Amino acid sequence: MQTDLSGKTIIITGGSSGIGAAAARSLRQKGAQVVITGRSDETKKLAEEIGCDYYLVDYTRFAEVRSFADTLLVNYPRIDVLVNNVGGIIANRRLTEDGHETTLQVNHLSGFLLTLLLQERLETSKAIVINTSSVANTMGRIDFNDLENQKNYKSMAAYGAAKLMNILHAMEISTRFKGVWAASFHPGVVETSFAREGSGLIKWLYEGLLGRFFMISPEQGADTLLWLISTQPGKDWQDGEYYYKRRPGRRNNQVSPEVAAQLWEASVQLTKDRKQ
């Protein structure tokens, strides 16, 4: 693995806690310029602790994602790695101010929008884009007639579909972006706060003592992410692939180039600025 990342600019969304924070600490130790996002005071605390830039970005608001993209384009002439790491389980169906179901927007659409807005910079930098997915992708199902989860909303089904979208998004980046490498990964069952807005059972599993007994640390969960960043794409890992423990992971049977292309076009329409 490449131990010296000096001169590399790495953006980690959702980088204030969990695997994002663990990765940010490790990457700073390797000399990278790290930029993290979050929504709480913990974002500033971590940034001050490790000496990195930070921005407060709410993924339930496309306006904040667009503003963040503009800021990145002004302040960072190179972006070597973009990690789309924001995500979470939402117990009950609710809409964002943009009019989208929250699980869909937070886990997929906002990351998709940020990546699209940064396309030219990513291509010029010959960057790597990494999406944090999950083994939950195998429990998801994309229904192009109901992307907003209006029918019989179930939090884990919606989350699984969004994690499937993360895999398909990375696949399609590798096809549509020139000179950009992309991958997705499952970090494992990590002791984090991502299920804080989940249903009673999911929240209990993640926050109860029993759940924590079976969970791995954020540092362990960040291992595959750090491996993807620190090794050579095309040699150590393949473009558009989904990984778990540094090996290709188990993917939903909906994963295909055709579905990835269809999802991309649908996502473009859903993230369009309605003021234009």
Protein backbone atom coordinates (compact mmCIF):
# COMPACT_ATOMS: atom_id res chain seq x y z
CA MET A 1 0.00 0.00 0.00
CA GLN A 2 1.06 3.56 -0.70
CA THR A 3 1.99 5.04 2.68
CA ASP A 4 2.84 8.58 1.56
CA LEU A 5 -0.15 10.48 0.20
CA SER A 6 1.45 13.93 0.36
CA GLY A 7 -0.01 16.30 -2.20
CA LYS A 8 -3.24 14.31 -2.56
CA THR A 9 -6.55 16.08 -1.89
CA ILE A 10 -9.18 13.72 -0.53
CA ILE A 11 -12.82 14.70 0.09
CA ILE A 12 -14.78 12.54 2.56
CA THR A 13 -18.46 13.33 2.95
CA GLY A 14 -19.90 12.13 6.21
CA GLY A 15 -16.38 12.30 7.57
CA SER A 16 -17.06 13.53 11.10
CA SER A 17 -17.69 10.12 12.70
CA GLY A 18 -17.56 6.37 12.08
CA ILE A 19 -15.49 5.02 9.20
CA GLY A 20 -15.28 8.47 7.63
CA ALA A 21 -13.53 9.88 10.68
CA ALA A 22 -11.30 6.82 11.01
CA ALA A 23 -10.25 7.14 7.37
CA ALA A 24 -9.67 10.89 7.73
CA ARG A 25 -7.30 10.33 10.66
CA SER A 26 -5.32 7.68 8.81
CA LEU A 27 -5.10 9.69 5.60
CA ARG A 28 -3.86 12.78 7.44
CA GLN A 29 -1.14 10.65 9.04
CA LYS A 30 -0.10 9.65 5.51
CA GLY A 31 0.23 13.29 4.49
CA ALA A 32 -2.96 13.82 2.49
CA GLN A 33 -4.89 17.07 2.44
CA VAL A 34 -8.26 15.93 3.79
CA VAL A 35 -11.61 17.69 3.57
CA ILE A 36 -14.54 16.36 5.62
CA THR A 37 -18.23 17.18 5.83
CA GLY A 38 -20.74 16.65 8.60
CA ARG A 39 -23.76 18.24 10.24
CA SER A 40 -22.72 18.55 13.90
CA ASP A 41 -20.12 20.22 16.12
CA GLU A 42 -18.16 16.96 15.99
CA THR A 43 -17.14 17.92 12.45
CA LYS A 44 -15.24 21.00 13.64
CA LYS A 45 -13.75 19.12 16.60
CA LEU A 46 -12.32 16.38 14.39
CA ALA A 47 -11.03 18.89 11.85
CA GLU A 48 -9.18 20.78 14.56
CA GLU A 49 -7.85 17.54 16.04
CA ILE A 50 -6.30 16.21 12.82
CA GLY A 51 -5.68 19.50 11.02
CA CYS A 52 -8.02 19.29 8.04
CA ASP A 53 -10.64 21.46 6.33
CA TYR A 54 -14.30 20.94 7.10
CA TYR A 55 -17.71 22.06 5.86
CA LEU A 56 -21.18 21.64 7.32
CA VAL A 57 -23.41 20.14 4.63
CA ASP A 58 -26.96 18.83 5.07
CA TYR A 59 -27.67 16.16 2.46
CA THR A 60 -31.43 16.65 2.82
CA ARG A 61 -30.93 19.97 0.99
CA PHE A 62 -29.73 20.05 -2.61
CA ALA A 63 -28.97 23.77 -2.21
CA GLU A 64 -26.29 22.95 0.37
CA VAL A 65 -24.82 20.22 -1.84
CA ARG A 66 -24.62 22.66 -4.76
CA SER A 67 -23.02 25.32 -2.55
CA PHE A 68 -20.49 22.78 -1.28
CA ALA A 69 -19.59 21.77 -4.85
CA ASP A 70 -19.05 25.43 -5.76
CA THR A 71 -16.79 25.87 -2.72
CA LEU A 72 -14.72 22.82 -3.63
CA LEU A 73 -14.25 24.06 -7.19
CA VAL A 74 -13.03 27.44 -5.93
CA ASN A 75 -10.76 26.21 -3.15
CA TYR A 76 -9.28 22.95 -4.45
CA PRO A 77 -7.66 22.98 -7.90
CA ARG A 78 -7.19 19.21 -7.67
CA ILE A 79 -9.47 16.55 -6.21
CA ASP A 80 -7.67 13.23 -6.18
CA VAL A 81 -10.28 11.20 -4.29
CA LEU A 82 -13.96 11.77 -3.60
CA VAL A 83 -15.52 9.47 -0.99
CA ASN A 84 -19.34 9.52 -1.01
CA ASN A 85 -19.85 8.28 2.53
CA VAL A 86 -23.02 10.01 3.80
CA GLY A 87 -25.81 7.57 4.59
CA GLY A 88 -28.26 6.28 7.13
CA ILE A 89 -31.45 4.36 7.83
CA ILE A 90 -34.64 6.43 8.18
CA ALA A 91 -37.43 4.80 10.21
CA ASN A 92 -40.45 6.51 8.69
CA ARG A 93 -41.06 7.82 5.20
CA ARG A 94 -40.74 11.58 4.99
CA LEU A 95 -39.90 14.09 2.31
CA THR A 96 -37.02 16.54 2.15
CA GLU A 97 -37.54 20.20 1.30
CA ASP A 98 -36.60 19.22 -2.26
CA GLY A 99 -39.63 16.92 -2.35
CA HIS A 100 -37.77 13.60 -2.33
CA GLU A 101 -38.03 10.64 0.02
CA THR A 102 -35.28 11.13 2.60
CA THR A 103 -33.59 7.72 2.36
CA LEU A 104 -33.27 8.11 -1.40
CA GLN A 105 -31.91 11.65 -1.23
CA VAL A 106 -29.47 11.22 1.66
CA ASN A 107 -28.04 7.87 0.59
CA HIS A 108 -27.99 8.35 -3.19
CA LEU A 109 -29.27 11.49 -4.85
CA SER A 110 -27.16 14.05 -2.98
CA GLY A 111 -23.96 12.08 -3.50
CA PHE A 112 -24.89 11.60 -7.14
CA LEU A 113 -25.46 15.35 -7.51
CA LEU A 114 -22.16 16.27 -5.85
CA THR A 115 -20.24 13.86 -8.06
CA LEU A 116 -21.94 15.17 -11.20
CA LEU A 117 -21.22 18.80 -10.30
CA LEU A 118 -17.54 17.93 -9.79
CA GLN A 119 -17.23 15.87 -12.99
CA GLU A 120 -14.89 18.20 -14.88
CA ARG A 121 -12.57 18.65 -11.87
CA LEU A 122 -12.54 14.91 -11.21
CA GLU A 123 -11.72 14.17 -14.86
CA THR A 124 -8.93 16.75 -14.96
CA SER A 125 -7.48 15.31 -11.74
CA LYS A 126 -7.82 11.69 -12.96
CA ALA A 127 -9.52 11.09 -9.66
CA ILE A 128 -10.91 8.10 -7.81
CA VAL A 129 -14.55 8.09 -6.64
CA ILE A 130 -15.50 5.65 -3.87
CA ASN A 131 -19.06 5.04 -2.68
CA THR A 132 -19.81 3.52 0.71
CA SER A 133 -22.38 0.81 0.03
CA SER A 134 -23.48 -2.11 2.19
CA VAL A 135 -24.27 -5.82 2.15
CA ALA A 136 -27.84 -4.51 2.54
CA ASN A 137 -27.73 -3.97 -1.23
CA THR A 138 -28.70 -7.65 -1.57
CA MET A 139 -31.99 -6.90 0.22
CA GLY A 140 -32.87 -3.95 -1.98
CA ARG A 141 -34.92 -3.71 -5.14
CA ILE A 142 -35.02 -0.76 -7.52
CA ASP A 143 -38.49 -0.09 -8.87
CA PHE A 144 -38.22 2.65 -11.49
CA ASN A 145 -41.96 3.21 -11.12
CA ASP A 146 -41.53 3.93 -7.40
CA LEU A 147 -38.06 5.35 -6.75
CA GLU A 148 -39.53 7.58 -4.03
CA ASN A 149 -40.75 4.57 -2.00
CA GLN A 150 -44.39 5.62 -1.89
CA LYS A 151 -45.74 2.08 -1.77
CA ASN A 152 -45.55 0.24 1.54
CA TYR A 153 -42.44 2.03 2.90
CA LYS A 154 -40.07 -0.17 4.90
CA SER A 155 -36.88 1.40 6.19
CA MET A 156 -34.54 -1.53 5.49
CA ALA A 157 -35.95 -2.12 2.01
CA ALA A 158 -35.51 1.56 1.16
CA TYR A 159 -32.00 1.53 2.60
CA GLY A 160 -31.09 -1.65 0.72
CA ALA A 161 -32.30 -0.13 -2.56
CA ALA A 162 -30.22 3.00 -1.92
CA LYS A 163 -27.11 0.92 -1.18
CA LEU A 164 -27.73 -0.95 -4.43
CA MET A 165 -27.84 2.45 -6.14
CA ASN A 166 -24.40 3.27 -4.68
CA ILE A 167 -22.96 0.23 -6.46
CA LEU A 168 -24.67 1.06 -9.75
CA HIS A 169 -23.58 4.70 -9.47
CA ALA A 170 -19.92 3.71 -9.15
CA MET A 171 -20.26 1.32 -12.08
CA GLU A 172 -21.66 4.05 -14.29
CA ILE A 173 -19.06 6.64 -13.25
CA SER A 174 -16.40 4.29 -14.59
CA THR A 175 -18.23 4.32 -17.92
CA ARG A 176 -19.24 7.99 -18.25
CA PHE A 177 -16.34 9.91 -16.64
CA LYS A 178 -13.12 10.09 -18.67
CA GLY A 179 -10.00 9.07 -16.78
CA VAL A 180 -11.86 8.61 -13.48
CA TRP A 181 -11.73 5.35 -11.55
CA ALA A 182 -14.65 4.34 -9.35
CA ALA A 183 -15.54 1.61 -6.87
CA SER A 184 -17.94 0.88 -4.02
CA PHE A 185 -17.48 -1.14 -0.85
CA HIS A 186 -19.15 -2.66 2.18
CA PRO A 187 -17.32 -1.68 5.40
CA GLY A 188 -18.80 -4.48 7.50
CA VAL A 189 -21.16 -4.17 10.45
CA VAL A 190 -19.53 -1.20 12.12
CA GLU A 191 -20.24 0.36 15.51
CA THR A 192 -21.42 3.78 14.32
CA SER A 193 -24.38 6.13 14.77
CA PHE A 194 -25.74 5.68 11.24
CA ALA A 195 -28.87 3.90 12.53
CA ARG A 196 -29.80 6.63 14.99
CA GLU A 197 -32.87 7.51 12.90
CA GLY A 198 -33.75 3.88 12.18
CA SER A 199 -36.70 1.82 13.37
CA GLY A 200 -36.86 0.37 16.86
CA LEU A 201 -35.40 -3.03 15.95
CA ILE A 202 -32.58 -1.68 13.76
CA LYS A 203 -31.73 0.99 16.31
CA TRP A 204 -31.68 -1.62 19.09
CA LEU A 205 -29.41 -3.92 17.08
CA TYR A 206 -26.91 -1.14 16.44
CA GLU A 207 -27.03 0.65 19.76
CA GLY A 208 -27.73 -2.20 22.18
CA LEU A 209 -25.05 -4.21 23.96
CA LEU A 210 -25.84 -7.35 21.96
CA GLY A 211 -25.35 -5.55 18.66
CA ARG A 212 -22.07 -3.99 19.74
CA PHE A 213 -20.74 -7.39 20.72
CA PHE A 214 -20.84 -8.45 17.06
CA MET A 215 -19.70 -5.16 15.54
CA ILE A 216 -16.28 -4.11 14.34
CA SER A 217 -14.60 -0.80 15.08
CA PRO A 218 -14.72 2.16 12.68
CA GLU A 219 -10.98 1.65 12.11
CA GLN A 220 -11.60 -1.93 10.98
CA GLY A 221 -14.53 -0.80 8.84
CA ALA A 222 -12.36 1.79 7.10
CA ASP A 223 -9.78 -0.80 6.01
CA THR A 224 -11.19 -1.51 2.53
CA LEU A 225 -11.74 2.21 1.91
CA LEU A 226 -8.11 2.99 2.79
CA TRP A 227 -6.97 0.07 0.62
CA LEU A 228 -8.89 1.44 -2.37
CA ILE A 229 -7.35 4.88 -1.87
CA SER A 230 -3.80 3.71 -1.22
CA THR A 231 -3.37 1.09 -3.94
CA GLN A 232 -3.31 1.14 -7.72
CA PRO A 233 -6.61 0.95 -9.62
CA GLY A 234 -6.49 -1.43 -12.54
CA LYS A 235 -3.83 -3.49 -10.78
CA ASP A 236 -4.94 -3.99 -7.18
CA TRP A 237 -8.65 -3.42 -7.80
CA GLN A 238 -10.93 -3.16 -10.81
CA ASP A 239 -12.89 -0.18 -12.11
CA GLY A 240 -16.58 -0.17 -11.17
CA GLU A 241 -16.31 -3.16 -8.81
CA TYR A 242 -17.89 -3.59 -5.36
CA TYR A 243 -15.60 -4.79 -2.54
CA TYR A 244 -15.78 -6.29 0.91
CA LYS A 245 -12.64 -7.10 2.89
CA ARG A 246 -10.56 -6.16 -0.16
CA ARG A 247 -12.30 -8.75 -2.33
CA PRO A 248 -15.29 -8.53 -4.69
CA GLY A 249 -18.43 -8.58 -2.55
CA ARG A 250 -21.85 -10.20 -2.97
CA ARG A 251 -24.01 -8.06 -5.23
CA ASN A 252 -27.72 -7.83 -5.89
CA ASN A 253 -28.88 -9.62 -9.04
CA GLN A 254 -30.14 -6.27 -10.36
CA VAL A 255 -26.55 -5.09 -10.82
CA SER A 256 -26.07 -4.73 -14.57
CA PRO A 257 -24.87 -2.09 -17.06
CA GLU A 258 -28.45 -1.61 -18.27
CA VAL A 259 -29.87 -0.88 -14.82
CA ALA A 260 -26.90 1.36 -13.99
CA ALA A 261 -27.50 3.45 -17.12
CA GLN A 262 -31.23 3.70 -16.43
CA LEU A 263 -30.61 4.76 -12.83
CA TRP A 264 -28.17 7.44 -13.97
CA GLU A 265 -30.70 9.02 -16.32
CA ALA A 266 -33.42 8.89 -13.66
CA SER A 267 -31.07 10.47 -11.09
CA VAL A 268 -30.19 13.31 -13.46
CA GLN A 269 -33.88 14.15 -13.74
CA LEU A 270 -34.48 13.93 -9.98
CA THR A 271 -31.55 16.21 -9.12
CA LYS A 272 -32.22 18.93 -11.70
CA ASP A 273 -32.36 22.45 -10.35
CA ARG A 274 -36.05 23.30 -10.59
CA LYS A 275 -35.21 27.01 -10.73
CA GLN A 276 -33.54 26.55 -14.10
